[in-house]
PDB file of N, CA and C in Angstrom:
ATOM      1  N   UNK A   1      -8.437  -7.445   6.864  1.00  0.00           N
ATOM      2  CA  UNK A   1      -9.163  -8.177   5.720  1.00  0.00           C
ATOM      3  C   UNK A   1      -8.211  -8.417   4.610  1.00  0.00           C
ATOM      4  N   UNK A   2      -8.084  -9.592   4.013  1.00  0.00           N
ATOM      5  CA  UNK A   2      -7.160  -9.819   2.769  1.00  0.00           C
ATOM      6  C   UNK A   2      -7.928  -9.292   1.644  1.00  0.00           C
ATOM      7  N   UNK A   3      -7.266  -8.634   0.742  1.00  0.00           N
ATOM      8  CA  UNK A   3      -7.891  -7.977  -0.578  1.00  0.00           C
ATOM      9  C   UNK A   3      -7.396  -8.918  -1.573  1.00  0.00           C
ATOM     10  N   UNK A   4      -8.446  -9.855  -2.080  1.00  0.00           N
ATOM     11  CA  UNK A   4      -8.083 -10.676  -3.067  1.00  0.00           C
ATOM     12  C   UNK A   4      -8.903 -10.523  -4.366  1.00  0.00           C
ATOM     13  N   UNK A   5      -8.311 -10.752  -5.495  1.00  0.00           N
ATOM     14  CA  UNK A   5      -8.954 -10.645  -6.775  1.00  0.00           C
ATOM     15  C   UNK A   5      -8.695 -11.922  -7.592  1.00  0.00           C
ATOM     16  N   UNK A   6      -9.795 -12.265  -8.408  1.00  0.00           N
ATOM     17  CA  UNK A   6      -9.671 -13.417  -9.233  1.00  0.00           C
ATOM     18  C   UNK A   6      -9.391 -12.988 -10.653  1.00  0.00           C
ATOM     19  N   UNK A   7      -8.312 -13.669 -11.203  1.00  0.00           N
ATOM     20  CA  UNK A   7      -7.841 -13.366 -12.474  1.00  0.00           C
ATOM     21  C   UNK A   7      -7.672 -14.742 -13.266  1.00  0.00           C
ATOM     22  N   UNK A   8      -7.327 -14.730 -14.691  1.00  0.00           N
ATOM     23  CA  UNK A   8      -7.138 -15.811 -15.359  1.00  0.00           C
ATOM     24  C   UNK A   8      -5.796 -15.933 -16.043  1.00  0.00           C
ATOM     25  N   UNK A   9      -5.201 -17.115 -15.785  1.00  0.00           N
ATOM     26  CA  UNK A   9      -3.860 -17.378 -16.342  1.00  0.00           C
ATOM     27  C   UNK A   9      -4.010 -17.670 -17.894  1.00  0.00           C
ATOM     28  N   UNK A  10      -2.834 -17.536 -18.515  1.00  0.00           N
ATOM     29  CA  UNK A  10      -2.889 -17.856 -20.171  1.00  0.00           C
ATOM     30  C   UNK A  10      -3.475 -19.167 -20.381  1.00  0.00           C
ATOM     31  N   UNK A  11      -3.363 -20.177 -19.475  1.00  0.00           N
ATOM     32  CA  UNK A  11      -3.823 -21.465 -19.747  1.00  0.00           C
ATOM     33  C   UNK A  11      -5.259 -21.741 -19.272  1.00  0.00           C
ATOM     34  N   UNK A  12      -5.894 -20.439 -18.979  1.00  0.00           N
ATOM     35  CA  UNK A  12      -7.361 -20.601 -18.662  1.00  0.00           C
ATOM     36  C   UNK A  12      -7.705 -21.048 -17.198  1.00  0.00           C
ATOM     37  N   UNK A  13      -6.616 -21.263 -16.462  1.00  0.00           N
ATOM     38  CA  UNK A  13      -6.923 -21.579 -15.129  1.00  0.00           C
ATOM     39  C   UNK A  13      -6.996 -20.348 -14.250  1.00  0.00           C
ATOM     40  N   UNK A  14      -7.866 -20.383 -13.320  1.00  0.00           N
ATOM     41  CA  UNK A  14      -8.003 -19.231 -12.266  1.00  0.00           C
ATOM     42  C   UNK A  14      -7.107 -19.123 -11.349  1.00  0.00           C
ATOM     43  N   UNK A  15      -6.682 -17.919 -10.954  1.00  0.00           N
ATOM     44  CA  UNK A  15      -5.795 -17.609  -9.941  1.00  0.00           C
ATOM     45  C   UNK A  15      -6.387 -16.555  -9.012  1.00  0.00           C
ATOM     46  N   UNK A  16      -6.239 -16.617  -7.724  1.00  0.00           N
ATOM     47  CA  UNK A  16      -6.715 -15.582  -6.767  1.00  0.00           C
ATOM     48  C   UNK A  16      -5.402 -14.914  -6.154  1.00  0.00           C
ATOM     49  N   UNK A  17      -5.360 -13.692  -6.160  1.00  0.00           N
ATOM     50  CA  UNK A  17      -4.120 -13.071  -5.550  1.00  0.00           C
ATOM     51  C   UNK A  17      -4.525 -11.994  -4.705  1.00  0.00           C
ATOM     52  N   UNK A  18      -3.578 -11.796  -3.627  1.00  0.00           N
ATOM     53  CA  UNK A  18      -3.755 -10.600  -2.798  1.00  0.00           C
ATOM     54  C   UNK A  18      -3.529  -9.342  -3.592  1.00  0.00           C
ATOM     55  N   UNK A  19      -4.528  -8.513  -3.558  1.00  0.00           N
ATOM     56  CA  UNK A  19      -4.365  -7.315  -4.312  1.00  0.00           C
ATOM     57  C   UNK A  19      -3.367  -6.325  -3.784  1.00  0.00           C
ATOM     58  N   UNK A  20      -3.311  -6.456  -2.437  1.00  0.00           N
ATOM     59  CA  UNK A  20      -2.257  -5.582  -1.683  1.00  0.00           C
ATOM     60  C   UNK A  20      -0.842  -6.121  -1.927  1.00  0.00           C
ATOM     61  N   UNK A  21      -0.591  -7.043  -2.617  1.00  0.00           N
ATOM     62  CA  UNK A  21       0.809  -7.460  -2.904  1.00  0.00           C
ATOM     63  C   UNK A  21       1.223  -7.039  -4.377  1.00  0.00           C
ATOM     64  N   UNK A  22       0.287  -6.459  -5.054  1.00  0.00           N
ATOM     65  CA  UNK A  22       0.676  -6.020  -6.418  1.00  0.00           C
ATOM     66  C   UNK A  22       1.612  -4.838  -6.299  1.00  0.00           C
ATOM     67  N   UNK A  23       2.738  -4.928  -6.996  1.00  0.00           N
ATOM     68  CA  UNK A  23       3.759  -3.854  -7.046  1.00  0.00           C
ATOM     69  C   UNK A  23       3.751  -3.078  -8.386  1.00  0.00           C
ATOM     70  N   UNK A  24       3.779  -3.952  -9.489  1.00  0.00           N
ATOM     71  CA  UNK A  24       3.849  -3.330 -10.748  1.00  0.00           C
ATOM     72  C   UNK A  24       2.963  -4.224 -11.683  1.00  0.00           C
ATOM     73  N   UNK A  25       2.379  -3.407 -12.563  1.00  0.00           N
ATOM     74  CA  UNK A  25       1.424  -4.078 -13.761  1.00  0.00           C
ATOM     75  C   UNK A  25       2.270  -3.707 -14.951  1.00  0.00           C
ATOM     76  N   UNK A  26       2.372  -4.620 -15.972  1.00  0.00           N
ATOM     77  CA  UNK A  26       3.220  -4.294 -17.190  1.00  0.00           C
ATOM     78  C   UNK A  26       2.171  -4.960 -18.340  1.00  0.00           C
ATOM     79  N   UNK A  27       2.222  -4.249 -19.499  1.00  0.00           N
ATOM     80  CA  UNK A  27       1.452  -4.753 -20.739  1.00  0.00           C
ATOM     81  C   UNK A  27       2.589  -4.932 -21.774  1.00  0.00           C
ATOM     82  N   UNK A  28       2.841  -6.213 -21.942  1.00  0.00           N
ATOM     83  CA  UNK A  28       4.113  -6.484 -22.890  1.00  0.00           C
ATOM     84  C   UNK A  28       4.017  -7.325 -23.995  1.00  0.00           C
ATOM     85  N   UNK A  29       2.892  -7.745 -24.703  1.00  0.00           N
ATOM     86  CA  UNK A  29       1.520  -7.249 -24.677  1.00  0.00           C
ATOM     87  C   UNK A  29       0.699  -7.994 -23.648  1.00  0.00           C
ATOM     88  N   UNK A  30       1.156  -9.149 -23.215  1.00  0.00           N
ATOM     89  CA  UNK A  30       0.398  -9.721 -22.061  1.00  0.00           C
ATOM     90  C   UNK A  30       0.449  -9.112 -20.866  1.00  0.00           C
ATOM     91  N   UNK A  31      -0.353  -9.169 -19.891  1.00  0.00           N
ATOM     92  CA  UNK A  31      -0.359  -8.526 -18.669  1.00  0.00           C
ATOM     93  C   UNK A  31       0.620  -9.242 -17.644  1.00  0.00           C
ATOM     94  N   UNK A  32       1.570  -8.575 -17.138  1.00  0.00           N
ATOM     95  CA  UNK A  32       2.543  -9.307 -16.243  1.00  0.00           C
ATOM     96  C   UNK A  32       2.445  -8.618 -15.008  1.00  0.00           C
ATOM     97  N   UNK A  33       2.141  -9.206 -13.798  1.00  0.00           N
ATOM     98  CA  UNK A  33       1.931  -8.715 -12.628  1.00  0.00           C
ATOM     99  C   UNK A  33       3.111  -9.054 -11.714  1.00  0.00           C
ATOM    100  N   UNK A  34       3.833  -8.143 -11.153  1.00  0.00           N
ATOM    101  CA  UNK A  34       4.827  -8.281 -10.269  1.00  0.00           C
ATOM    102  C   UNK A  34       4.411  -8.098  -8.846  1.00  0.00           C
ATOM    103  N   UNK A  35       4.671  -9.027  -7.879  1.00  0.00           N
ATOM    104  CA  UNK A  35       4.219  -9.035  -6.556  1.00  0.00           C
ATOM    105  C   UNK A  35       5.406  -8.473  -5.692  1.00  0.00           C
ATOM    106  N   UNK A  36       5.061  -8.179  -4.521  1.00  0.00           N
ATOM    107  CA  UNK A  36       6.016  -7.687  -3.595  1.00  0.00           C
ATOM    108  C   UNK A  36       6.933  -8.745  -3.182  1.00  0.00           C
ATOM    109  N   UNK A  37       6.374 -10.051  -3.245  1.00  0.00           N
ATOM    110  CA  UNK A  37       7.094 -11.260  -2.860  1.00  0.00           C
ATOM    111  C   UNK A  37       8.186 -11.702  -4.012  1.00  0.00           C
ATOM    112  N   UNK A  38       8.340 -10.775  -5.003  1.00  0.00           N
ATOM    113  CA  UNK A  38       9.258 -11.178  -6.109  1.00  0.00           C
ATOM    114  C   UNK A  38       8.673 -12.104  -7.103  1.00  0.00           C
ATOM    115  N   UNK A  39       7.507 -12.629  -6.777  1.00  0.00           N
ATOM    116  CA  UNK A  39       6.766 -13.515  -7.804  1.00  0.00           C
ATOM    117  C   UNK A  39       6.221 -12.641  -8.990  1.00  0.00           C
ATOM    118  N   UNK A  40       6.038 -13.214 -10.219  1.00  0.00           N
ATOM    119  CA  UNK A  40       5.552 -12.740 -11.321  1.00  0.00           C
ATOM    120  C   UNK A  40       4.612 -13.750 -11.884  1.00  0.00           C
ATOM    121  N   UNK A  41       3.550 -13.124 -12.425  1.00  0.00           N
ATOM    122  CA  UNK A  41       2.537 -13.950 -13.147  1.00  0.00           C
ATOM    123  C   UNK A  41       1.973 -13.354 -14.257  1.00  0.00           C
ATOM    124  N   UNK A  42       1.581 -13.942 -15.374  1.00  0.00           N
ATOM    125  CA  UNK A  42       1.079 -13.500 -16.528  1.00  0.00           C
ATOM    126  C   UNK A  42      -0.334 -13.890 -16.561  1.00  0.00           C
ATOM    127  N   UNK A  43      -1.254 -12.894 -16.874  1.00  0.00           N
ATOM    128  CA  UNK A  43      -2.646 -13.137 -16.850  1.00  0.00           C
ATOM    129  C   UNK A  43      -3.357 -12.679 -18.172  1.00  0.00           C
ATOM    130  N   UNK A  44      -4.474 -13.141 -18.491  1.00  0.00           N
ATOM    131  CA  UNK A  44      -5.191 -12.779 -19.668  1.00  0.00           C
ATOM    132  C   UNK A  44      -5.896 -11.365 -19.623  1.00  0.00           C
ATOM    133  N   UNK A  45      -6.235 -10.944 -18.467  1.00  0.00           N
ATOM    134  CA  UNK A  45      -6.962  -9.702 -18.265  1.00  0.00           C
ATOM    135  C   UNK A  45      -5.913  -8.519 -18.736  1.00  0.00           C
ATOM    136  N   UNK A  46      -6.408  -7.423 -19.356  1.00  0.00           N
ATOM    137  CA  UNK A  46      -5.547  -6.364 -19.571  1.00  0.00           C
ATOM    138  C   UNK A  46      -5.212  -5.571 -18.363  1.00  0.00           C
ATOM    139  N   UNK A  47      -4.373  -4.705 -18.359  1.00  0.00           N
ATOM    140  CA  UNK A  47      -3.946  -3.902 -17.245  1.00  0.00           C
ATOM    141  C   UNK A  47      -5.176  -3.074 -16.617  1.00  0.00           C
ATOM    142  N   UNK A  48      -5.999  -2.404 -17.368  1.00  0.00           N
ATOM    143  CA  UNK A  48      -7.033  -1.714 -16.924  1.00  0.00           C
ATOM    144  C   UNK A  48      -8.104  -2.496 -16.221  1.00  0.00           C
ATOM    145  N   UNK A  49      -8.317  -3.648 -16.768  1.00  0.00           N
ATOM    146  CA  UNK A  49      -9.124  -4.625 -16.019  1.00  0.00           C
ATOM    147  C   UNK A  49      -8.733  -4.980 -14.688  1.00  0.00           C
ATOM    148  N   UNK A  50      -7.474  -5.416 -14.724  1.00  0.00           N
ATOM    149  CA  UNK A  50      -6.782  -5.532 -13.353  1.00  0.00           C
ATOM    150  C   UNK A  50      -6.979  -4.474 -12.302  1.00  0.00           C
ATOM    151  N   UNK A  51      -6.712  -3.226 -12.731  1.00  0.00           N
ATOM    152  CA  UNK A  51      -6.802  -2.090 -11.910  1.00  0.00           C
ATOM    153  C   UNK A  51      -8.379  -1.853 -11.522  1.00  0.00           C
ATOM    154  N   UNK A  52      -9.122  -2.112 -12.357  1.00  0.00           N
ATOM    155  CA  UNK A  52     -10.722  -1.982 -12.121  1.00  0.00           C
ATOM    156  C   UNK A  52     -10.992  -3.022 -10.880  1.00  0.00           C
ATOM    157  N   UNK A  53     -10.430  -4.209 -11.089  1.00  0.00           N
ATOM    158  CA  UNK A  53     -10.854  -5.265 -10.088  1.00  0.00           C
ATOM    159  C   UNK A  53     -10.214  -4.861  -8.859  1.00  0.00           C
ATOM    160  N   UNK A  54      -8.927  -4.400  -8.822  1.00  0.00           N
ATOM    161  CA  UNK A  54      -8.439  -4.017  -7.519  1.00  0.00           C
ATOM    162  C   UNK A  54      -9.160  -2.868  -6.855  1.00  0.00           C
ATOM    163  N   UNK A  55      -9.572  -1.833  -7.570  1.00  0.00           N
ATOM    164  CA  UNK A  55     -10.365  -0.676  -7.084  1.00  0.00           C
ATOM    165  C   UNK A  55     -11.762  -1.168  -6.727  1.00  0.00           C
ATOM    166  N   UNK A  56     -12.369  -1.970  -7.385  1.00  0.00           N
ATOM    167  CA  UNK A  56     -13.692  -2.377  -6.974  1.00  0.00           C
ATOM    168  C   UNK A  56     -13.656  -3.304  -5.745  1.00  0.00           C
ATOM    169  N   UNK A  57     -12.642  -4.062  -5.494  1.00  0.00           N
ATOM    170  CA  UNK A  57     -12.530  -4.806  -4.314  1.00  0.00           C
ATOM    171  C   UNK A  57     -12.119  -4.020  -3.064  1.00  0.00           C
ATOM    172  N   UNK A  58     -11.289  -2.944  -3.431  1.00  0.00           N
ATOM    173  CA  UNK A  58     -11.009  -2.048  -2.181  1.00  0.00           C
ATOM    174  C   UNK A  58     -12.134  -1.273  -1.866  1.00  0.00           C
ATOM    175  N   UNK A  59     -12.893  -0.714  -2.754  1.00  0.00           N
ATOM    176  CA  UNK A  59     -14.235  -0.006  -2.408  1.00  0.00           C
ATOM    177  C   UNK A  59     -15.177  -1.042  -1.630  1.00  0.00           C
ATOM    178  N   UNK A  60     -15.275  -2.318  -2.158  1.00  0.00           N
ATOM    179  CA  UNK A  60     -16.206  -3.105  -1.394  1.00  0.00           C
ATOM    180  C   UNK A  60     -15.792  -3.351  -0.081  1.00  0.00           C
ATOM    181  N   UNK A  61     -14.450  -3.713   0.114  1.00  0.00           N
ATOM    182  CA  UNK A  61     -14.005  -3.864   1.501  1.00  0.00           C
ATOM    183  C   UNK A  61     -14.113  -2.736   2.466  1.00  0.00           C
ATOM    184  N   UNK A  62     -13.793  -1.556   1.829  1.00  0.00           N
ATOM    185  CA  UNK A  62     -13.947  -0.422   2.724  1.00  0.00           C
ATOM    186  C   UNK A  62     -15.245  -0.024   3.141  1.00  0.00           C
ATOM    187  N   UNK A  63     -16.218  -0.371   2.409  1.00  0.00           N
ATOM    188  CA  UNK A  63     -17.718  -0.166   2.719  1.00  0.00           C
ATOM    189  C   UNK A  63     -18.043  -1.124   3.890  1.00  0.00           C
ATOM    190  N   UNK A  64     -17.445  -2.204   3.965  1.00  0.00           N
ATOM    191  CA  UNK A  64     -17.823  -3.090   5.063  1.00  0.00           C
ATOM    192  C   UNK A  64     -17.198  -2.805   6.393  1.00  0.00           C
ATOM    193  N   UNK A  65     -16.137  -1.953   6.312  1.00  0.00           N
ATOM    194  CA  UNK A  65     -15.310  -1.624   7.544  1.00  0.00           C
ATOM    195  C   UNK A  65     -16.116  -0.280   8.109  1.00  0.00           C
ATOM    196  N   UNK A  66     -16.776   0.347   7.455  1.00  0.00           N
ATOM    197  CA  UNK A  66     -17.287   1.519   8.023  1.00  0.00           C
ATOM    198  C   UNK A  66     -18.645   1.338   8.822  1.00  0.00           C
TER     199      UNK A  66
END
């Protein structure tokens, strides 16, 4: 199952990313997400919110697999 999360770009457009591809999160002060594909994106959500979304989605998908 693909683990995706919905985030907001700085221009208020929504973006959905595969949470498994997140390699690094940086607060610079904007949140910069570096993916294993070498792509980077800047989102409005702070680092803690992104982490919470990833953990919430992982918990949700793990419950379905059991």
